[in-house]
Each structure stands twice: as structure tokens, then as C-alpha cells.
């Protein structure tokens, strides 16, 4: 092999690494676009459901019999027709709150999002180093492998060639 061939191969390796970094960053960004709203929704559902369950039990809990009799009188229904639906709704919203909170924790959503954001920032820095060839190719490859190893849950999307 001649020196010119080595330079061409070396340049091709740099370009392949640059493409791979770009592809991985696209994958991480796509993951974040999906994961952030999902995690936020679960958090909001848990908060609203918890507050609703508390509100539904507040009337009978604080007002007692006077509350249920007063509401029953206004609605022209039996007192049992007031507290039973309130308790049932409180139970349902409490279950929804518990499920939402536990789904968020079981998927470790927040930690994954933080890891993906950090990986994306590291890959962006590496991309700059590679573009200006401020790091050797073997070192750049090593850094790339270290960064992507932190986000095994991010599915790599195919290249846009």
C-alpha cells in the first residue's frame, strides 16, 4: 500500500466514524423525544389522581355525617348514595395514581432520560473533536464505545446514507 492509499483509508475511517456518531445522536434524540413526554404524562397522571383521591375523601372525611346528609338532601337522594360513589371514585383514582407512579419507577424513566441526555452531550463533544481531528482515531473510537455503552436501552436507527 502506498502513502496515498493510507491517507484515503484514514479519511474514510474518519468519515465512517463521523456518520456513526451522527446516527447514534439521531437515535438518542429520537429516544428522548419519545421518553420525555411519556415520563411527564405518567408523573402528571400520578399527581392529579392522588389529588383527586384526596379531594374525593375530604368531604366525608372532614364533614362526616353532616356532609353526606347535606349533599343527599341537596341532590334529593339517600345518604348512602353520596358516600359510596365518592369512596368508589376515590379508590379508582388512588389505584390509577399508584399504577402511574410505579410504572414510572419500574421503567426507571428519569434515570434513563438523564443518561441519554448526558450521552448525547458527550457524543456532540466527540463529534466536534472528530470533525477537527483533535483526537486520534483509536481514542475517538474508544470514547464512542464508552459513551454508547451507557445507553444500551436506546435502539440504534439506521443510517440515512
C-alpha atoms as a PDB file:
ATOM      1  CA  UNK A   1       0.000   0.000   0.000  1.00  0.00           C
ATOM      2  CA  UNK A   2       1.209   3.461  -0.787  1.00  0.00           C
ATOM      3  CA  UNK A   3       1.089   6.518   1.382  1.00  0.00           C
ATOM      4  CA  UNK A   4      -1.794   7.995  -0.669  1.00  0.00           C
ATOM      5  CA  UNK A   5      -3.839   4.830  -0.123  1.00  0.00           C
ATOM      6  CA  UNK A   6      -3.282   5.063   3.648  1.00  0.00           C
ATOM      7  CA  UNK A   7      -4.477   8.677   3.658  1.00  0.00           C
ATOM      8  CA  UNK A   8      -7.622   7.727   1.706  1.00  0.00           C
ATOM      9  CA  UNK A   9      -8.359   4.816   4.027  1.00  0.00           C
ATOM     10  CA  UNK A  10      -7.719   7.011   7.052  1.00  0.00           C
ATOM     11  CA  UNK A  11     -10.069   9.694   5.710  1.00  0.00           C
ATOM     12  CA  UNK A  12     -12.718   7.054   5.000  1.00  0.00           C
ATOM     13  CA  UNK A  13     -12.416   5.824   8.598  1.00  0.00           C
ATOM     14  CA  UNK A  14     -12.882   9.361   9.925  1.00  0.00           C
ATOM     15  CA  UNK A  15     -15.971   9.794   7.740  1.00  0.00           C
ATOM     16  CA  UNK A  16     -17.416   6.453   8.855  1.00  0.00           C
ATOM     17  CA  UNK A  17     -16.901   7.393  12.499  1.00  0.00           C
ATOM     18  CA  UNK A  18     -18.499  10.797  11.924  1.00  0.00           C
ATOM     19  CA  UNK A  19     -21.512   9.138  10.278  1.00  0.00           C
ATOM     20  CA  UNK A  20     -21.779   6.632  13.106  1.00  0.00           C
ATOM     21  CA  UNK A  21     -21.715   9.409  15.720  1.00  0.00           C
ATOM     22  CA  UNK A  22     -24.394  11.329  13.802  1.00  0.00           C
ATOM     23  CA  UNK A  23     -26.545   8.201  13.516  1.00  0.00           C
ATOM     24  CA  UNK A  24     -26.229   7.433  17.218  1.00  0.00           C
ATOM     25  CA  UNK A  25     -27.047  11.023  18.158  1.00  0.00           C
ATOM     26  CA  UNK A  26     -30.164  10.822  15.979  1.00  0.00           C
ATOM     27  CA  UNK A  27     -31.161   7.630  17.798  1.00  0.00           C
ATOM     28  CA  UNK A  28     -30.624   9.202  21.210  1.00  0.00           C
ATOM     29  CA  UNK A  29     -32.571  12.318  20.230  1.00  0.00           C
ATOM     30  CA  UNK A  30     -35.441  10.178  18.906  1.00  0.00           C
ATOM     31  CA  UNK A  31     -35.469   8.239  22.184  1.00  0.00           C
ATOM     32  CA  UNK A  32     -35.587  11.491  24.164  1.00  0.00           C
ATOM     33  CA  UNK A  33     -38.445  12.845  22.030  1.00  0.00           C
ATOM     34  CA  UNK A  34     -40.479   9.748  22.968  1.00  0.00           C
ATOM     35  CA  UNK A  35     -39.333   9.249  26.568  1.00  0.00           C
ATOM     36  CA  UNK A  36     -39.658  12.776  27.948  1.00  0.00           C
ATOM     37  CA  UNK A  37     -43.397  13.220  27.189  1.00  0.00           C
ATOM     38  CA  UNK A  38     -44.183   9.682  28.375  1.00  0.00           C
ATOM     39  CA  UNK A  39     -42.427  10.272  31.707  1.00  0.00           C
ATOM     40  CA  UNK A  40     -44.145  13.639  32.111  1.00  0.00           C
ATOM     41  CA  UNK A  41     -47.568  12.123  31.399  1.00  0.00           C
ATOM     42  CA  UNK A  42     -47.070   9.403  34.000  1.00  0.00           C
ATOM     43  CA  UNK A  43     -45.986  11.998  36.550  1.00  0.00           C
ATOM     44  CA  UNK A  44     -48.959  14.261  35.838  1.00  0.00           C
ATOM     45  CA  UNK A  45     -51.423  11.363  35.959  1.00  0.00           C
ATOM     46  CA  UNK A  46     -49.996  10.243  39.320  1.00  0.00           C
ATOM     47  CA  UNK A  47     -50.184  13.769  40.772  1.00  0.00           C
ATOM     48  CA  UNK A  48     -53.697  14.528  39.514  1.00  0.00           C
ATOM     49  CA  UNK A  49     -55.004  11.108  40.547  1.00  0.00           C
ATOM     50  CA  UNK A  50     -53.540  11.432  44.054  1.00  0.00           C
ATOM     51  CA  UNK A  51     -55.009  14.892  44.487  1.00  0.00           C
ATOM     52  CA  UNK A  52     -58.381  13.709  43.165  1.00  0.00           C
ATOM     53  CA  UNK A  53     -58.463  10.782  45.573  1.00  0.00           C
ATOM     54  CA  UNK A  54     -57.706  13.137  48.450  1.00  0.00           C
ATOM     55  CA  UNK A  55     -60.366  15.607  47.333  1.00  0.00           C
ATOM     56  CA  UNK A  56     -62.997  12.877  46.972  1.00  0.00           C
ATOM     57  CA  UNK A  57     -62.433  11.661  50.513  1.00  0.00           C
ATOM     58  CA  UNK A  58     -62.091  15.132  52.045  1.00  0.00           C
ATOM     59  CA  UNK A  59     -65.829  15.906  52.208  1.00  0.00           C
ATOM     60  CA  UNK A  60     -66.956  12.779  54.023  1.00  0.00           C
ATOM     61  CA  UNK A  61     -63.713  12.597  55.992  1.00  0.00           C
ATOM     62  CA  UNK A  62     -63.865  16.129  57.322  1.00  0.00           C
ATOM     63  CA  UNK A  63     -67.627  16.744  57.296  1.00  0.00           C
ATOM     64  CA  UNK A  64     -68.681  13.283  58.329  1.00  0.00           C
ATOM     65  CA  UNK A  65     -72.358  12.510  58.527  1.00  0.00           C
ATOM     66  CA  UNK A  66     -73.295  16.208  58.239  1.00  0.00           C
ATOM     67  CA  UNK A  67     -71.573  16.377  54.844  1.00  0.00           C
ATOM     68  CA  UNK A  68     -73.212  13.260  53.389  1.00  0.00           C
ATOM     69  CA  UNK A  69     -76.665  14.203  54.740  1.00  0.00           C
ATOM     70  CA  UNK A  70     -76.319  17.761  53.404  1.00  0.00           C
ATOM     71  CA  UNK A  71     -75.299  16.586  49.926  1.00  0.00           C
ATOM     72  CA  UNK A  72     -78.000  13.890  49.937  1.00  0.00           C
ATOM     73  CA  UNK A  73     -80.610  16.480  50.862  1.00  0.00           C
ATOM     74  CA  UNK A  74     -79.499  18.850  48.070  1.00  0.00           C
ATOM     75  CA  UNK A  75     -79.494  16.047  45.491  1.00  0.00           C
ATOM     76  CA  UNK A  76     -82.667  14.506  46.902  1.00  0.00           C
ATOM     77  CA  UNK A  77     -81.048  11.051  47.296  1.00  0.00           C
ATOM     78  CA  UNK A  78     -80.298   8.675  50.166  1.00  0.00           C
ATOM     79  CA  UNK A  79     -77.120   9.434  52.213  1.00  0.00           C
ATOM     80  CA  UNK A  80     -75.640   6.084  51.130  1.00  0.00           C
ATOM     81  CA  UNK A  81     -75.950   7.301  47.532  1.00  0.00           C
ATOM     82  CA  UNK A  82     -73.444  10.045  48.379  1.00  0.00           C
ATOM     83  CA  UNK A  83     -70.584   8.333  50.190  1.00  0.00           C
ATOM     84  CA  UNK A  84     -70.495   5.072  48.215  1.00  0.00           C
ATOM     85  CA  UNK A  85     -69.814   6.690  44.800  1.00  0.00           C
ATOM     86  CA  UNK A  86     -67.300   9.071  46.421  1.00  0.00           C
ATOM     87  CA  UNK A  87     -65.443   6.161  48.005  1.00  0.00           C
ATOM     88  CA  UNK A  88     -65.532   4.179  44.774  1.00  0.00           C
ATOM     89  CA  UNK A  89     -64.139   7.122  42.772  1.00  0.00           C
ATOM     90  CA  UNK A  90     -61.512   7.735  45.450  1.00  0.00           C
ATOM     91  CA  UNK A  91     -60.453   4.094  45.251  1.00  0.00           C
ATOM     92  CA  UNK A  92     -60.236   4.151  41.428  1.00  0.00           C
ATOM     93  CA  UNK A  93     -58.220   7.375  41.344  1.00  0.00           C
ATOM     94  CA  UNK A  94     -55.954   6.083  44.094  1.00  0.00           C
ATOM     95  CA  UNK A  95     -55.273   2.889  42.095  1.00  0.00           C
ATOM     96  CA  UNK A  96     -54.557   4.952  38.959  1.00  0.00           C
ATOM     97  CA  UNK A  97     -52.117   7.107  40.953  1.00  0.00           C
ATOM     98  CA  UNK A  98     -50.317   4.057  42.328  1.00  0.00           C
ATOM     99  CA  UNK A  99     -50.053   2.387  38.923  1.00  0.00           C
ATOM    100  CA  UNK A 100     -48.775   5.561  37.240  1.00  0.00           C
ATOM    101  CA  UNK A 101     -46.163   6.199  39.912  1.00  0.00           C
ATOM    102  CA  UNK A 102     -44.949   2.613  39.868  1.00  0.00           C
ATOM    103  CA  UNK A 103     -44.823   2.414  36.065  1.00  0.00           C
ATOM    104  CA  UNK A 104     -42.585   5.449  36.035  1.00  0.00           C
ATOM    105  CA  UNK A 105     -40.299   3.960  38.682  1.00  0.00           C
ATOM    106  CA  UNK A 106     -40.242   0.442  37.234  1.00  0.00           C
ATOM    107  CA  UNK A 107     -39.070   1.720  33.860  1.00  0.00           C
ATOM    108  CA  UNK A 108     -36.500   3.922  35.574  1.00  0.00           C
ATOM    109  CA  UNK A 109     -37.604   6.651  33.164  1.00  0.00           C
ATOM    110  CA  UNK A 110     -35.912   9.622  34.813  1.00  0.00           C
ATOM    111  CA  UNK A 111     -32.521   7.914  35.127  1.00  0.00           C
ATOM    112  CA  UNK A 112     -32.686   6.739  31.520  1.00  0.00           C
ATOM    113  CA  UNK A 113     -33.548  10.217  30.291  1.00  0.00           C
ATOM    114  CA  UNK A 114     -30.644  11.722  32.232  1.00  0.00           C
ATOM    115  CA  UNK A 115     -28.271   9.061  30.848  1.00  0.00           C
ATOM    116  CA  UNK A 116     -29.463   9.660  27.288  1.00  0.00           C
ATOM    117  CA  UNK A 117     -29.086  13.437  27.652  1.00  0.00           C
ATOM    118  CA  UNK A 118     -25.552  13.018  29.011  1.00  0.00           C
ATOM    119  CA  UNK A 119     -24.655  10.585  26.228  1.00  0.00           C
ATOM    120  CA  UNK A 120     -25.958  12.985  23.604  1.00  0.00           C
ATOM    121  CA  UNK A 121     -23.855  15.822  25.043  1.00  0.00           C
ATOM    122  CA  UNK A 122     -20.755  13.610  25.136  1.00  0.00           C
ATOM    123  CA  UNK A 123     -21.328  12.473  21.568  1.00  0.00           C
ATOM    124  CA  UNK A 124     -21.735  16.088  20.478  1.00  0.00           C
ATOM    125  CA  UNK A 125     -18.369  16.929  22.038  1.00  0.00           C
ATOM    126  CA  UNK A 126     -16.788  13.878  20.434  1.00  0.00           C
ATOM    127  CA  UNK A 127     -18.277  14.834  17.084  1.00  0.00           C
ATOM    128  CA  UNK A 128     -16.569  18.227  17.301  1.00  0.00           C
ATOM    129  CA  UNK A 129     -13.248  16.628  18.234  1.00  0.00           C
ATOM    130  CA  UNK A 130     -13.540  14.204  15.312  1.00  0.00           C
ATOM    131  CA  UNK A 131     -14.555  16.874  12.809  1.00  0.00           C
ATOM    132  CA  UNK A 132     -11.465  18.927  13.657  1.00  0.00           C
ATOM    133  CA  UNK A 133      -9.338  15.806  14.209  1.00  0.00           C
ATOM    134  CA  UNK A 134      -8.324  16.900  17.691  1.00  0.00           C
ATOM    135  CA  UNK A 135      -8.214  13.304  18.873  1.00  0.00           C
ATOM    136  CA  UNK A 136      -6.632  10.197  17.405  1.00  0.00           C
ATOM    137  CA  UNK A 137      -8.888   7.742  15.611  1.00  0.00           C
ATOM    138  CA  UNK A 138      -8.294   4.916  18.123  1.00  0.00           C
ATOM    139  CA  UNK A 139      -9.010   7.276  21.035  1.00  0.00           C
ATOM    140  CA  UNK A 140     -12.157   8.575  19.320  1.00  0.00           C
ATOM    141  CA  UNK A 141     -13.390   5.018  18.798  1.00  0.00           C
ATOM    142  CA  UNK A 142     -12.722   4.191  22.442  1.00  0.00           C
ATOM    143  CA  UNK A 143     -14.652   7.267  23.610  1.00  0.00           C
ATOM    144  CA  UNK A 144     -17.520   6.467  21.244  1.00  0.00           C
ATOM    145  CA  UNK A 145     -17.794   2.944  22.661  1.00  0.00           C
ATOM    146  CA  UNK A 146     -17.712   4.231  26.245  1.00  0.00           C
ATOM    147  CA  UNK A 147     -20.455   6.772  25.585  1.00  0.00           C
ATOM    148  CA  UNK A 148     -22.869   4.460  23.771  1.00  0.00           C
ATOM    149  CA  UNK A 149     -22.356   1.691  26.344  1.00  0.00           C
ATOM    150  CA  UNK A 150     -24.134   3.941  28.873  1.00  0.00           C
ATOM    151  CA  UNK A 151     -27.385   3.855  26.867  1.00  0.00           C
ATOM    152  CA  UNK A 152     -27.993   0.219  25.887  1.00  0.00           C
ATOM    153  CA  UNK A 153     -31.744   0.909  26.028  1.00  0.00           C
ATOM    154  CA  UNK A 154     -31.540   3.283  23.044  1.00  0.00           C
ATOM    155  CA  UNK A 155     -32.278   1.413  19.841  1.00  0.00           C
ATOM    156  CA  UNK A 156     -29.983   2.482  17.019  1.00  0.00           C
ATOM    157  CA  UNK A 157     -31.786   3.827  13.971  1.00  0.00           C
ATOM    158  CA  UNK A 158     -30.389   3.003  10.535  1.00  0.00           C
ATOM    159  CA  UNK A 159     -28.176   5.459   8.715  1.00  0.00           C
ATOM    160  CA  UNK A 160     -29.641   7.967   6.273  1.00  0.00           C
ATOM    161  CA  UNK A 161     -26.930   7.377   3.665  1.00  0.00           C
END
